[in-house]
N, C-alpha and C. Protein backbone atom coordinates (compact mmCIF):
# COMPACT_ATOMS: atom_id res chain seq x y z
N MET A 1 92.24 275.49 365.42
CA MET A 1 92.51 276.71 366.10
C MET A 1 91.49 277.00 367.18
N ARG A 2 91.91 277.38 368.29
CA ARG A 2 91.09 277.66 369.47
C ARG A 2 90.13 278.81 369.19
N ASN A 3 88.87 278.73 369.48
CA ASN A 3 87.89 279.85 369.21
C ASN A 3 87.91 280.66 370.59
N PRO A 4 88.12 281.94 370.50
CA PRO A 4 88.20 282.72 371.76
C PRO A 4 86.89 282.82 372.51
N LEU A 5 85.79 282.48 371.82
CA LEU A 5 84.47 282.69 372.39
C LEU A 5 84.05 281.51 373.22
N PHE A 6 84.61 280.27 373.00
CA PHE A 6 84.16 279.15 373.72
C PHE A 6 85.26 278.13 373.85
N GLU A 7 85.15 277.19 374.74
CA GLU A 7 86.05 276.07 374.89
C GLU A 7 85.34 274.84 374.55
N LYS A 8 85.97 274.06 373.73
CA LYS A 8 85.40 272.71 373.35
C LYS A 8 85.74 271.75 374.49
N ILE A 9 84.71 271.07 375.03
CA ILE A 9 84.88 270.14 376.13
C ILE A 9 84.18 268.81 375.75
N GLU A 10 84.43 267.81 376.64
CA GLU A 10 83.81 266.56 376.50
C GLU A 10 83.33 265.99 377.83
N PHE A 11 82.31 265.28 377.95
CA PHE A 11 81.86 264.55 379.17
C PHE A 11 80.95 263.48 378.77
N ALA A 12 80.67 262.58 379.75
CA ALA A 12 79.89 261.40 379.44
C ALA A 12 78.45 261.57 379.57
N ALA A 13 77.71 261.03 378.66
CA ALA A 13 76.26 260.90 378.79
C ALA A 13 75.94 259.94 379.91
N THR A 14 74.61 259.95 380.38
CA THR A 14 74.31 259.08 381.52
C THR A 14 74.35 257.66 381.09
N ASP A 15 74.47 257.33 379.82
CA ASP A 15 74.64 255.91 379.44
C ASP A 15 76.12 255.63 379.04
N GLY A 16 77.04 256.61 379.26
CA GLY A 16 78.45 256.42 379.02
C GLY A 16 79.00 256.89 377.75
N LEU A 17 78.17 257.35 376.79
CA LEU A 17 78.60 257.84 375.50
C LEU A 17 79.23 259.14 375.71
N LEU A 18 80.37 259.45 375.07
CA LEU A 18 81.07 260.70 375.19
C LEU A 18 80.40 261.77 374.36
N ILE A 19 80.11 262.90 375.01
CA ILE A 19 79.47 263.99 374.45
C ILE A 19 80.48 265.13 374.14
N THR A 20 80.38 265.80 373.01
CA THR A 20 81.12 266.97 372.72
C THR A 20 80.19 268.17 372.92
N ALA A 21 80.82 269.19 373.47
CA ALA A 21 80.06 270.46 373.78
C ALA A 21 80.97 271.70 373.75
N ASP A 22 80.39 272.81 373.51
CA ASP A 22 81.06 274.06 373.57
C ASP A 22 80.65 274.87 374.80
N LEU A 23 81.67 275.28 375.62
CA LEU A 23 81.37 275.97 376.84
C LEU A 23 81.65 277.51 376.61
N TYR A 24 80.58 278.33 376.78
CA TYR A 24 80.73 279.75 376.69
C TYR A 24 80.62 280.36 378.10
N LEU A 25 81.67 280.90 378.56
CA LEU A 25 81.73 281.45 379.89
C LEU A 25 81.45 282.97 379.90
N ALA A 26 80.47 283.43 380.64
CA ALA A 26 80.24 284.86 380.75
C ALA A 26 81.04 285.44 381.93
N GLU A 27 81.36 286.73 381.80
CA GLU A 27 82.02 287.39 382.93
C GLU A 27 81.03 287.64 384.09
N ASN A 28 81.35 287.35 385.26
CA ASN A 28 80.46 287.50 386.38
C ASN A 28 79.07 286.98 386.14
N PRO A 29 78.89 285.73 385.79
CA PRO A 29 77.59 285.20 385.37
C PRO A 29 76.54 285.24 386.49
N LYS A 30 75.26 285.45 386.09
CA LYS A 30 74.25 285.46 387.03
C LYS A 30 73.35 284.16 386.90
N GLY A 31 73.80 283.37 385.99
CA GLY A 31 73.12 282.06 385.77
C GLY A 31 73.74 281.17 384.67
N PHE A 32 73.19 280.05 384.40
CA PHE A 32 73.83 279.17 383.52
C PHE A 32 72.73 278.50 382.60
N MET A 33 72.99 278.34 381.22
CA MET A 33 72.16 277.78 380.31
C MET A 33 72.66 276.53 379.71
N VAL A 34 71.91 275.52 379.53
CA VAL A 34 72.27 274.40 378.73
C VAL A 34 71.44 274.52 377.38
N LEU A 35 72.21 274.40 376.27
CA LEU A 35 71.62 274.77 374.99
C LEU A 35 71.52 273.47 374.09
N CYS A 36 70.42 273.05 373.68
CA CYS A 36 70.23 271.78 372.98
C CYS A 36 69.67 272.12 371.55
N HIS A 37 70.24 271.41 370.51
CA HIS A 37 69.86 271.71 369.19
C HIS A 37 68.69 270.91 368.62
N ARG A 38 68.16 271.34 367.47
CA ARG A 38 67.07 270.63 366.75
C ARG A 38 67.55 269.51 366.01
N SER A 39 66.64 268.83 365.24
CA SER A 39 66.98 267.68 364.49
C SER A 39 67.87 268.01 363.34
N HIS A 40 68.74 267.12 362.93
CA HIS A 40 69.63 267.29 361.88
C HIS A 40 70.60 268.44 362.06
N CYS A 41 70.98 268.70 363.30
CA CYS A 41 71.86 269.85 363.66
C CYS A 41 72.94 269.38 364.66
N ASN A 42 73.52 270.39 365.20
CA ASN A 42 74.65 270.14 366.23
C ASN A 42 74.82 271.33 367.03
N ARG A 43 75.88 271.43 367.87
CA ARG A 43 76.08 272.46 368.88
C ARG A 43 76.31 273.77 368.14
N ALA A 44 76.66 273.80 366.89
CA ALA A 44 76.96 275.05 366.07
C ALA A 44 75.67 275.88 365.92
N GLU A 45 74.44 275.23 366.18
CA GLU A 45 73.20 275.99 366.04
C GLU A 45 73.25 277.27 367.01
N TYR A 46 74.07 277.24 368.03
CA TYR A 46 74.20 278.38 369.01
C TYR A 46 75.43 279.18 368.87
N ARG A 47 76.19 279.07 367.81
CA ARG A 47 77.40 279.86 367.62
C ARG A 47 77.08 281.37 367.60
N GLU A 48 75.96 281.65 367.04
CA GLU A 48 75.59 283.14 367.01
C GLU A 48 74.86 283.58 368.28
N THR A 49 74.10 282.72 368.82
CA THR A 49 73.19 283.11 369.93
C THR A 49 73.83 282.96 371.31
N ALA A 50 74.69 281.92 371.49
CA ALA A 50 75.29 281.72 372.82
C ALA A 50 76.00 282.99 373.29
N PRO A 51 76.82 283.67 372.37
CA PRO A 51 77.54 284.89 372.88
C PRO A 51 76.54 285.94 373.31
N GLN A 52 75.42 285.97 372.69
CA GLN A 52 74.31 286.96 373.07
C GLN A 52 73.74 286.65 374.43
N PHE A 53 73.69 285.37 374.74
CA PHE A 53 73.23 284.93 376.05
C PHE A 53 74.29 285.31 377.10
N ASN A 54 75.57 285.14 376.64
CA ASN A 54 76.66 285.59 377.55
C ASN A 54 76.53 287.04 377.89
N GLY A 55 76.13 287.86 376.83
CA GLY A 55 76.02 289.25 377.09
C GLY A 55 74.92 289.63 378.09
N LEU A 56 73.92 288.70 378.12
CA LEU A 56 72.82 288.92 379.11
C LEU A 56 73.19 288.35 380.49
N GLY A 57 74.44 287.83 380.66
CA GLY A 57 74.87 287.36 381.94
C GLY A 57 74.83 285.88 382.21
N TYR A 58 74.65 285.07 381.14
CA TYR A 58 74.51 283.69 381.31
C TYR A 58 75.71 282.91 380.67
N SER A 59 76.40 282.08 381.46
CA SER A 59 77.29 281.15 380.87
C SER A 59 76.46 280.03 380.17
N CYS A 60 77.04 279.36 379.08
CA CYS A 60 76.21 278.47 378.35
C CYS A 60 77.03 277.20 377.98
N LEU A 61 76.38 276.11 377.82
CA LEU A 61 76.91 274.87 377.45
C LEU A 61 76.03 274.35 376.27
N ALA A 62 76.60 274.43 375.08
CA ALA A 62 75.91 273.94 373.83
C ALA A 62 76.46 272.56 373.53
N ILE A 63 75.53 271.58 373.42
CA ILE A 63 75.96 270.23 373.24
C ILE A 63 75.65 269.61 371.89
N ASP A 64 76.42 268.57 371.46
CA ASP A 64 76.02 267.78 370.32
C ASP A 64 75.29 266.62 370.91
N GLN A 65 74.01 266.48 370.49
CA GLN A 65 73.19 265.30 370.85
C GLN A 65 73.40 264.22 369.82
N ARG A 66 73.16 262.96 370.21
CA ARG A 66 73.43 261.83 369.24
C ARG A 66 72.39 261.86 368.11
N SER A 67 71.26 262.51 368.30
CA SER A 67 70.32 262.71 367.16
C SER A 67 70.65 264.02 366.51
N GLY A 68 71.41 263.96 365.47
CA GLY A 68 71.82 265.23 364.74
C GLY A 68 72.68 264.91 363.60
N MET A 69 73.33 265.84 363.05
CA MET A 69 74.24 265.61 361.90
C MET A 69 75.20 266.77 361.66
N LYS A 70 76.04 266.62 360.59
CA LYS A 70 76.96 267.60 360.19
C LYS A 70 76.26 268.76 359.51
N VAL A 71 76.36 270.00 359.95
CA VAL A 71 75.72 271.13 359.32
C VAL A 71 76.40 272.41 359.93
N PHE A 72 76.15 273.49 359.34
CA PHE A 72 76.71 274.82 359.86
C PHE A 72 78.31 274.74 359.96
N GLY A 73 78.87 273.91 359.07
CA GLY A 73 80.24 273.77 359.05
C GLY A 73 80.89 273.00 360.22
N GLU A 74 80.06 272.28 360.93
CA GLU A 74 80.60 271.60 362.10
C GLU A 74 80.06 270.09 362.11
N VAL A 75 80.90 269.21 362.53
CA VAL A 75 80.57 267.79 362.66
C VAL A 75 79.82 267.52 364.05
N ASN A 76 78.85 266.80 363.97
CA ASN A 76 78.22 266.29 365.24
C ASN A 76 79.01 265.15 365.72
N GLU A 77 79.89 265.41 366.72
CA GLU A 77 80.86 264.43 367.18
C GLU A 77 80.15 263.31 368.00
N THR A 78 79.16 263.71 368.78
CA THR A 78 78.45 262.80 369.55
C THR A 78 77.72 261.74 368.70
N LYS A 79 77.09 262.26 367.57
CA LYS A 79 76.44 261.32 366.68
C LYS A 79 77.45 260.37 366.00
N GLN A 80 78.65 260.86 365.65
CA GLN A 80 79.62 259.98 365.15
C GLN A 80 80.03 258.83 366.02
N ARG A 81 80.16 259.21 367.37
CA ARG A 81 80.50 258.16 368.33
C ARG A 81 79.42 257.13 368.49
N ALA A 82 78.12 257.62 368.55
CA ALA A 82 77.00 256.77 368.67
C ALA A 82 76.88 255.80 367.54
N LYS A 83 77.11 256.29 366.32
CA LYS A 83 77.10 255.42 365.13
C LYS A 83 78.14 254.34 365.21
N ALA A 84 79.33 254.75 365.58
CA ALA A 84 80.51 253.87 365.69
C ALA A 84 80.27 252.76 366.66
N LYS A 85 79.46 253.01 367.76
CA LYS A 85 79.12 252.02 368.71
C LYS A 85 77.90 251.21 368.38
N GLY A 86 77.16 251.60 367.33
CA GLY A 86 75.96 250.94 366.92
C GLY A 86 74.81 251.30 367.80
N LEU A 87 74.86 252.52 368.37
CA LEU A 87 73.74 252.96 369.24
C LEU A 87 72.64 253.63 368.37
N ALA A 88 71.42 253.62 368.86
CA ALA A 88 70.29 254.23 368.19
C ALA A 88 70.48 255.74 368.29
N THR A 89 69.99 256.46 367.25
CA THR A 89 70.12 257.88 367.23
C THR A 89 68.87 258.65 366.94
N GLY A 90 67.76 258.06 367.34
CA GLY A 90 66.38 258.74 367.24
C GLY A 90 66.29 259.92 368.30
N TYR A 91 65.23 260.51 368.18
CA TYR A 91 64.98 261.71 369.07
C TYR A 91 65.04 261.28 370.59
N ARG A 92 64.26 260.23 370.88
CA ARG A 92 64.16 259.78 372.34
C ARG A 92 65.52 259.27 372.76
N ASP A 93 66.40 258.82 371.82
CA ASP A 93 67.69 258.31 372.23
C ASP A 93 68.61 259.38 372.72
N ALA A 94 68.31 260.62 372.44
CA ALA A 94 69.13 261.75 372.92
C ALA A 94 68.92 262.12 374.43
N TRP A 95 67.92 261.50 375.00
CA TRP A 95 67.68 261.76 376.41
C TRP A 95 68.93 261.70 377.35
N PRO A 96 69.73 260.70 377.32
CA PRO A 96 70.93 260.56 378.21
C PRO A 96 71.91 261.79 377.92
N ASP A 97 71.92 262.26 376.70
CA ASP A 97 72.79 263.35 376.45
C ASP A 97 72.32 264.68 377.05
N VAL A 98 71.10 264.96 376.92
CA VAL A 98 70.48 266.19 377.58
C VAL A 98 70.49 266.06 379.09
N GLU A 99 70.15 264.88 379.55
CA GLU A 99 70.12 264.66 381.02
C GLU A 99 71.56 264.89 381.61
N ALA A 100 72.58 264.34 380.91
CA ALA A 100 73.97 264.56 381.47
C ALA A 100 74.39 265.97 381.35
N ALA A 101 73.97 266.67 380.23
CA ALA A 101 74.34 268.08 380.05
C ALA A 101 73.70 268.94 381.20
N VAL A 102 72.50 268.58 381.66
CA VAL A 102 71.85 269.25 382.77
C VAL A 102 72.74 269.07 384.04
N LEU A 103 73.09 267.77 384.30
CA LEU A 103 73.88 267.51 385.44
C LEU A 103 75.27 268.20 385.43
N HIS A 104 75.87 268.21 384.20
CA HIS A 104 77.18 268.87 384.12
C HIS A 104 77.06 270.35 384.28
N GLY A 105 76.05 270.93 383.67
CA GLY A 105 75.82 272.38 383.81
C GLY A 105 75.55 272.73 385.20
N HIS A 106 74.77 271.85 385.88
CA HIS A 106 74.49 272.13 387.33
C HIS A 106 75.71 272.17 388.17
N ARG A 107 76.67 271.22 387.85
CA ARG A 107 77.92 271.29 388.59
C ARG A 107 78.75 272.50 388.27
N LEU A 108 78.78 272.90 386.97
CA LEU A 108 79.55 274.09 386.62
C LEU A 108 78.83 275.35 387.27
N ASN A 109 77.61 275.31 387.54
CA ASN A 109 76.90 276.40 388.10
C ASN A 109 76.84 276.29 389.69
N ASN A 110 77.87 275.64 390.12
CA ASN A 110 78.06 275.55 391.61
C ASN A 110 76.79 274.97 392.35
N GLY A 111 76.24 273.98 391.67
CA GLY A 111 75.11 273.25 392.28
C GLY A 111 73.79 274.03 392.32
N GLU A 112 73.70 275.08 391.52
CA GLU A 112 72.47 275.83 391.44
C GLU A 112 71.64 275.51 390.18
N PRO A 113 70.32 275.66 390.26
CA PRO A 113 69.51 275.31 389.07
C PRO A 113 69.94 276.01 387.80
N ILE A 114 69.77 275.31 386.72
CA ILE A 114 70.13 275.93 385.36
C ILE A 114 68.83 276.15 384.55
N ILE A 115 69.01 276.89 383.51
CA ILE A 115 68.03 277.12 382.53
C ILE A 115 68.27 276.19 381.29
N LEU A 116 67.29 275.43 380.93
CA LEU A 116 67.45 274.47 379.89
C LEU A 116 66.76 275.03 378.66
N VAL A 117 67.55 275.10 377.60
CA VAL A 117 67.04 275.69 376.31
C VAL A 117 66.98 274.51 375.25
N GLY A 118 65.78 274.32 374.66
CA GLY A 118 65.49 273.35 373.69
C GLY A 118 65.03 273.90 372.33
N SER A 119 65.28 273.12 371.36
CA SER A 119 64.94 273.56 369.97
C SER A 119 64.38 272.38 369.21
N SER A 120 63.05 272.47 368.84
CA SER A 120 62.33 271.41 368.12
C SER A 120 62.25 270.15 369.05
N TYR A 121 62.83 268.99 368.55
CA TYR A 121 62.68 267.78 369.38
C TYR A 121 63.28 267.99 370.74
N SER A 122 64.42 268.67 370.88
CA SER A 122 65.08 268.81 372.12
C SER A 122 64.29 269.79 373.02
N ALA A 123 63.38 270.59 372.44
CA ALA A 123 62.52 271.36 373.25
C ALA A 123 61.48 270.42 373.98
N ALA A 124 61.02 269.44 373.27
CA ALA A 124 60.12 268.44 373.94
C ALA A 124 60.86 267.73 375.03
N LEU A 125 62.13 267.25 374.76
CA LEU A 125 62.96 266.62 375.82
C LEU A 125 63.19 267.55 377.01
N ALA A 126 63.45 268.89 376.71
CA ALA A 126 63.64 269.82 377.79
C ALA A 126 62.41 269.95 378.69
N LEU A 127 61.23 269.98 378.19
CA LEU A 127 60.06 270.05 379.01
C LEU A 127 59.89 268.90 379.83
N LEU A 128 60.12 267.70 379.26
CA LEU A 128 60.07 266.42 380.03
C LEU A 128 61.10 266.37 381.19
N LEU A 129 62.35 266.83 380.88
CA LEU A 129 63.35 266.75 381.92
C LEU A 129 63.10 267.78 383.00
N ALA A 130 62.54 268.91 382.57
CA ALA A 130 62.12 269.89 383.59
C ALA A 130 61.10 269.36 384.62
N ALA A 131 60.30 268.52 384.05
CA ALA A 131 59.26 268.01 384.96
C ALA A 131 59.78 266.89 385.94
N GLN A 132 60.99 266.39 385.62
CA GLN A 132 61.61 265.37 386.44
C GLN A 132 62.84 265.69 387.17
N MET A 133 63.58 266.76 386.80
CA MET A 133 64.84 267.09 387.40
C MET A 133 64.82 268.35 388.15
N GLU A 134 65.24 268.25 389.42
CA GLU A 134 65.27 269.46 390.25
C GLU A 134 66.38 270.42 389.80
N GLU A 135 67.39 269.89 389.04
CA GLU A 135 68.52 270.69 388.62
C GLU A 135 67.98 271.66 387.54
N VAL A 136 66.91 271.50 386.93
CA VAL A 136 66.32 272.43 385.95
C VAL A 136 65.42 273.40 386.62
N GLY A 137 65.84 274.73 386.65
CA GLY A 137 65.00 275.67 387.22
C GLY A 137 64.07 276.39 386.39
N ALA A 138 64.34 276.46 385.10
CA ALA A 138 63.45 277.15 384.11
C ALA A 138 63.76 276.54 382.67
N VAL A 139 62.81 276.76 381.83
CA VAL A 139 62.97 276.21 380.42
C VAL A 139 62.63 277.36 379.39
N VAL A 140 63.48 277.32 378.35
CA VAL A 140 63.19 278.14 377.18
C VAL A 140 63.09 277.20 375.95
N CYS A 141 61.94 277.19 375.36
CA CYS A 141 61.64 276.20 374.32
C CYS A 141 61.25 276.90 373.00
N PHE A 142 61.85 276.47 371.92
CA PHE A 142 61.50 276.88 370.63
C PHE A 142 60.97 275.76 369.80
N SER A 143 59.69 275.91 369.38
CA SER A 143 59.06 274.92 368.53
C SER A 143 59.00 273.52 369.06
N PRO A 144 58.52 273.41 370.33
CA PRO A 144 58.37 272.01 370.86
C PRO A 144 57.14 271.38 370.28
N GLY A 145 57.15 270.06 370.23
CA GLY A 145 56.06 269.36 369.64
C GLY A 145 55.98 267.86 370.08
N GLU A 146 55.03 267.17 369.63
CA GLU A 146 54.93 265.76 369.95
C GLU A 146 55.82 264.93 368.98
N TYR A 147 57.10 265.06 369.21
CA TYR A 147 58.08 264.45 368.27
C TYR A 147 58.67 263.12 368.84
N LEU A 148 58.25 262.75 369.98
CA LEU A 148 58.84 261.58 370.69
C LEU A 148 57.90 260.40 370.59
N LYS A 149 58.29 259.37 369.80
CA LYS A 149 57.42 258.25 369.64
C LYS A 149 57.06 257.62 370.97
N GLY A 150 55.84 257.26 371.16
CA GLY A 150 55.39 256.56 372.36
C GLY A 150 55.20 257.38 373.58
N ILE A 151 55.47 258.77 373.52
CA ILE A 151 55.32 259.59 374.68
C ILE A 151 54.39 260.74 374.32
N SER A 152 53.41 261.02 375.22
CA SER A 152 52.60 262.26 375.13
C SER A 152 53.26 263.26 375.98
N VAL A 153 53.99 264.22 375.32
CA VAL A 153 54.68 265.21 376.08
C VAL A 153 53.64 266.07 376.83
N ALA A 154 52.50 266.44 376.29
CA ALA A 154 51.54 267.24 376.90
C ALA A 154 51.09 266.66 378.15
N GLN A 155 50.86 265.35 378.14
CA GLN A 155 50.37 264.65 379.36
C GLN A 155 51.49 264.62 380.41
N GLN A 156 52.64 264.33 379.98
CA GLN A 156 53.83 264.21 380.94
C GLN A 156 54.10 265.49 381.63
N ILE A 157 53.85 266.59 381.01
CA ILE A 157 54.25 267.89 381.56
C ILE A 157 53.05 268.60 382.29
N ALA A 158 51.91 267.95 382.27
CA ALA A 158 50.72 268.53 382.99
C ALA A 158 51.04 268.87 384.43
N GLY A 159 50.71 270.03 384.85
CA GLY A 159 51.02 270.47 386.15
C GLY A 159 52.44 270.94 386.37
N LEU A 160 53.25 271.06 385.40
CA LEU A 160 54.67 271.56 385.54
C LEU A 160 54.59 272.97 386.10
N ALA A 161 55.28 273.17 387.20
CA ALA A 161 55.31 274.39 387.96
C ALA A 161 56.68 275.06 387.97
N LYS A 162 57.22 275.29 386.86
CA LYS A 162 58.52 275.99 386.77
C LYS A 162 58.35 276.98 385.63
N PRO A 163 59.12 278.11 385.68
CA PRO A 163 58.99 279.08 384.61
C PRO A 163 59.37 278.47 383.24
N VAL A 164 58.45 278.73 382.25
CA VAL A 164 58.59 278.13 380.88
C VAL A 164 58.30 279.16 379.85
N PHE A 165 59.29 279.52 379.12
CA PHE A 165 59.12 280.39 377.89
C PHE A 165 58.96 279.47 376.72
N VAL A 166 57.97 279.66 375.93
CA VAL A 166 57.75 278.82 374.73
C VAL A 166 57.36 279.73 373.56
N SER A 167 57.95 279.48 372.40
CA SER A 167 57.59 280.13 371.19
C SER A 167 57.88 279.25 370.01
N SER A 168 57.57 279.81 368.80
CA SER A 168 57.74 278.92 367.61
C SER A 168 57.60 279.79 366.41
N ALA A 169 57.56 279.24 365.24
CA ALA A 169 57.23 279.91 364.05
C ALA A 169 55.72 280.29 364.13
N LYS A 170 55.26 281.31 363.35
CA LYS A 170 53.93 281.72 363.43
C LYS A 170 53.00 280.48 363.16
N LYS A 171 53.28 279.73 362.11
CA LYS A 171 52.38 278.62 361.74
C LYS A 171 52.34 277.56 362.72
N GLU A 172 53.17 277.55 363.72
CA GLU A 172 53.26 276.51 364.74
C GLU A 172 52.53 276.90 366.06
N ILE A 173 51.97 278.09 366.05
CA ILE A 173 51.41 278.67 367.37
C ILE A 173 50.37 277.78 367.96
N GLU A 174 49.46 277.32 367.19
CA GLU A 174 48.36 276.52 367.68
C GLU A 174 48.82 275.15 368.29
N GLN A 175 49.72 274.51 367.62
CA GLN A 175 50.21 273.24 368.18
C GLN A 175 51.06 273.41 369.41
N THR A 176 51.78 274.52 369.39
CA THR A 176 52.57 274.84 370.57
C THR A 176 51.72 275.11 371.83
N ALA A 177 50.60 275.89 371.57
CA ALA A 177 49.71 276.15 372.63
C ALA A 177 49.02 274.85 373.26
N GLU A 178 48.73 273.97 372.34
CA GLU A 178 48.14 272.67 372.80
C GLU A 178 49.11 271.87 373.57
N LEU A 179 50.37 271.87 373.28
CA LEU A 179 51.34 271.09 373.98
C LEU A 179 51.49 271.59 375.35
N VAL A 180 51.48 272.91 375.64
CA VAL A 180 51.77 273.39 376.98
C VAL A 180 50.46 273.85 377.71
N ALA A 181 49.36 273.40 377.18
CA ALA A 181 47.98 273.81 377.72
C ALA A 181 47.85 273.43 379.23
N GLU A 182 48.53 272.31 379.68
CA GLU A 182 48.29 271.87 381.05
C GLU A 182 49.48 272.24 381.95
N VAL A 183 50.38 273.06 381.49
CA VAL A 183 51.40 273.62 382.38
C VAL A 183 50.72 274.61 383.24
N GLU A 184 51.15 274.79 384.51
CA GLU A 184 50.58 275.73 385.40
C GLU A 184 50.52 277.11 384.81
N PRO A 185 49.37 277.70 384.58
CA PRO A 185 49.18 278.97 383.83
C PRO A 185 50.13 280.08 384.30
N ARG A 186 50.33 280.25 385.62
CA ARG A 186 51.15 281.29 386.17
C ARG A 186 52.60 281.18 385.79
N PHE A 187 53.10 279.97 385.36
CA PHE A 187 54.41 279.78 385.05
C PHE A 187 54.74 279.92 383.60
N ILE A 188 53.73 279.91 382.67
CA ILE A 188 53.92 279.83 381.26
C ILE A 188 54.01 281.30 380.61
N HIS A 189 54.96 281.43 379.72
CA HIS A 189 55.15 282.67 379.01
C HIS A 189 55.18 282.22 377.51
N HIS A 190 54.07 282.32 376.82
CA HIS A 190 53.96 281.93 375.38
C HIS A 190 53.97 283.13 374.52
N PHE A 191 55.17 283.33 373.89
CA PHE A 191 55.26 284.42 372.90
C PHE A 191 54.72 283.93 371.52
N LYS A 192 53.64 284.63 371.07
CA LYS A 192 53.04 284.26 369.80
C LYS A 192 53.45 285.30 368.80
N PRO A 193 54.40 284.95 367.90
CA PRO A 193 54.91 285.95 366.97
C PRO A 193 53.89 286.46 365.96
N GLU A 194 54.05 287.63 365.52
CA GLU A 194 53.30 288.21 364.41
C GLU A 194 54.04 288.05 363.14
N VAL A 195 55.36 287.87 363.13
CA VAL A 195 56.13 287.54 362.00
C VAL A 195 56.21 286.02 361.75
N ASP A 196 56.63 285.63 360.56
CA ASP A 196 56.65 284.21 360.21
C ASP A 196 57.54 283.43 361.09
N GLY A 197 58.74 284.01 361.44
CA GLY A 197 59.68 283.34 362.30
C GLY A 197 60.28 282.09 361.55
N PHE A 198 60.80 281.15 362.38
CA PHE A 198 61.51 280.01 361.85
C PHE A 198 61.33 278.81 362.87
N HIS A 199 61.48 277.63 362.43
CA HIS A 199 61.35 276.52 363.30
C HIS A 199 62.60 276.30 364.15
N GLY A 200 62.39 276.20 365.46
CA GLY A 200 63.53 276.04 366.35
C GLY A 200 64.20 277.37 366.73
N SER A 201 65.36 277.19 367.41
CA SER A 201 66.03 278.41 367.97
C SER A 201 66.64 279.27 366.92
N LYS A 202 66.71 278.74 365.68
CA LYS A 202 67.17 279.55 364.56
C LYS A 202 66.42 280.81 364.37
N THR A 203 65.21 280.92 364.97
CA THR A 203 64.42 282.10 364.81
C THR A 203 65.05 283.30 365.48
N LEU A 204 66.06 283.06 366.32
CA LEU A 204 66.89 284.08 366.96
C LEU A 204 68.00 284.67 366.08
N TRP A 205 68.27 284.01 365.03
CA TRP A 205 69.41 284.37 364.14
C TRP A 205 69.06 285.69 363.41
N LYS A 206 70.13 286.44 363.24
CA LYS A 206 69.92 287.75 362.56
C LYS A 206 69.37 287.65 361.16
N SER A 207 69.69 286.52 360.53
CA SER A 207 69.17 286.29 359.14
C SER A 207 67.70 286.07 359.04
N VAL A 208 67.02 285.88 360.14
CA VAL A 208 65.58 285.57 360.16
C VAL A 208 64.80 286.91 360.41
N PRO A 209 63.94 287.35 359.45
CA PRO A 209 63.19 288.57 359.66
C PRO A 209 62.40 288.46 360.89
N GLY A 210 62.44 289.54 361.71
CA GLY A 210 61.65 289.61 362.95
C GLY A 210 62.28 288.95 364.12
N HIS A 211 63.57 288.50 363.98
CA HIS A 211 64.31 287.86 365.06
C HIS A 211 64.30 288.77 366.33
N GLU A 212 64.44 290.09 366.12
CA GLU A 212 64.45 290.94 367.29
C GLU A 212 63.20 290.90 368.15
N THR A 213 62.10 290.56 367.55
CA THR A 213 60.81 290.48 368.38
C THR A 213 60.96 289.25 369.33
N TYR A 214 61.53 288.21 368.84
CA TYR A 214 61.75 286.99 369.69
C TYR A 214 62.74 287.31 370.82
N TRP A 215 63.78 288.03 370.48
CA TRP A 215 64.80 288.34 371.46
C TRP A 215 64.17 289.34 372.56
N ARG A 216 63.32 290.19 372.18
CA ARG A 216 62.63 291.00 373.22
C ARG A 216 61.86 290.17 374.21
N ALA A 217 61.19 289.20 373.61
CA ALA A 217 60.33 288.32 374.41
C ALA A 217 61.14 287.44 375.37
N VAL A 218 62.25 286.93 374.83
CA VAL A 218 63.19 286.08 375.69
C VAL A 218 63.80 286.94 376.77
N LYS A 219 64.25 288.15 376.44
CA LYS A 219 64.83 289.00 377.45
C LYS A 219 63.86 289.44 378.54
N ASP A 220 62.59 289.66 378.15
CA ASP A 220 61.56 289.94 379.12
C ASP A 220 61.36 288.75 380.12
N PHE A 221 61.32 287.49 379.51
CA PHE A 221 61.19 286.32 380.32
C PHE A 221 62.27 286.15 381.31
N LEU A 222 63.49 286.26 380.85
CA LEU A 222 64.65 286.15 381.63
C LEU A 222 64.76 287.12 382.76
N ARG A 223 64.28 288.34 382.55
CA ARG A 223 64.24 289.31 383.62
C ARG A 223 63.26 288.95 384.71
N ARG A 224 62.28 288.10 384.41
CA ARG A 224 61.26 287.71 385.33
C ARG A 224 61.66 286.43 386.14
N VAL A 225 62.61 285.62 385.50
CA VAL A 225 63.02 284.40 386.16
C VAL A 225 64.00 284.76 387.28
N ILE A 226 63.64 284.21 388.45
CA ILE A 226 64.50 284.38 389.61
C ILE A 226 64.94 283.02 390.04
N LEU A 227 66.21 282.74 389.79
CA LEU A 227 66.90 281.55 390.23
C LEU A 227 68.11 281.89 391.14
N PRO A 228 68.57 281.02 391.95
CA PRO A 228 69.71 281.22 392.77
C PRO A 228 70.84 281.59 391.84
N MET A 229 71.56 282.67 392.29
CA MET A 229 72.67 283.16 391.41
C MET A 229 73.85 282.22 391.39
N SER A 230 74.69 282.33 390.40
CA SER A 230 76.00 281.57 390.44
C SER A 230 76.87 282.33 391.41
N ARG A 231 77.75 281.51 392.03
CA ARG A 231 78.61 282.09 393.01
C ARG A 231 80.03 282.33 392.39
């Protein structure tokens, strides 16, 4: 049955693997977000939060990355296809999926820069891609870390000069601060929660105590981000 809140779509990763995604269109959007899930998850991580981003004026594309699994009552279809083809499904292997989602979102946003949202390992990927892709105008990261074998994210994003919102569970504050220490200070917005929170973007869910404090911080950041508007 079709869900009235989003349209299920498919497009190719930059290595050719077919990606499944949910497209949430806002009325009269002022921007576009690409939403990437944490480990052992899928695009359904954003079923609750994507409509709220719509309400803030952002169309959203939530993707299944090949590093994930069935959870939240949804199958990770990209992971299934990767396994069927014998492709690796580690955290770094999801790079072509996120890269392609950025490019697809950029096209859907009339060629204007998008906001890339990452959760856990995909937050690390989001920061790396932001440092390399002009299509990424800003980043929203939940619980980024050094999750990518053989890569120092902190070193790779040194000098990043794009708006970056970063937050985490309370117990992850120190490691998060270390990861983004070399991002240009005037571009970084590090929300340090007083509540325990949760790992990844799930900290925005209504079931997580204190989620409203994270939402206030995200909304404040988005008010400050000035990107070319969608036409």
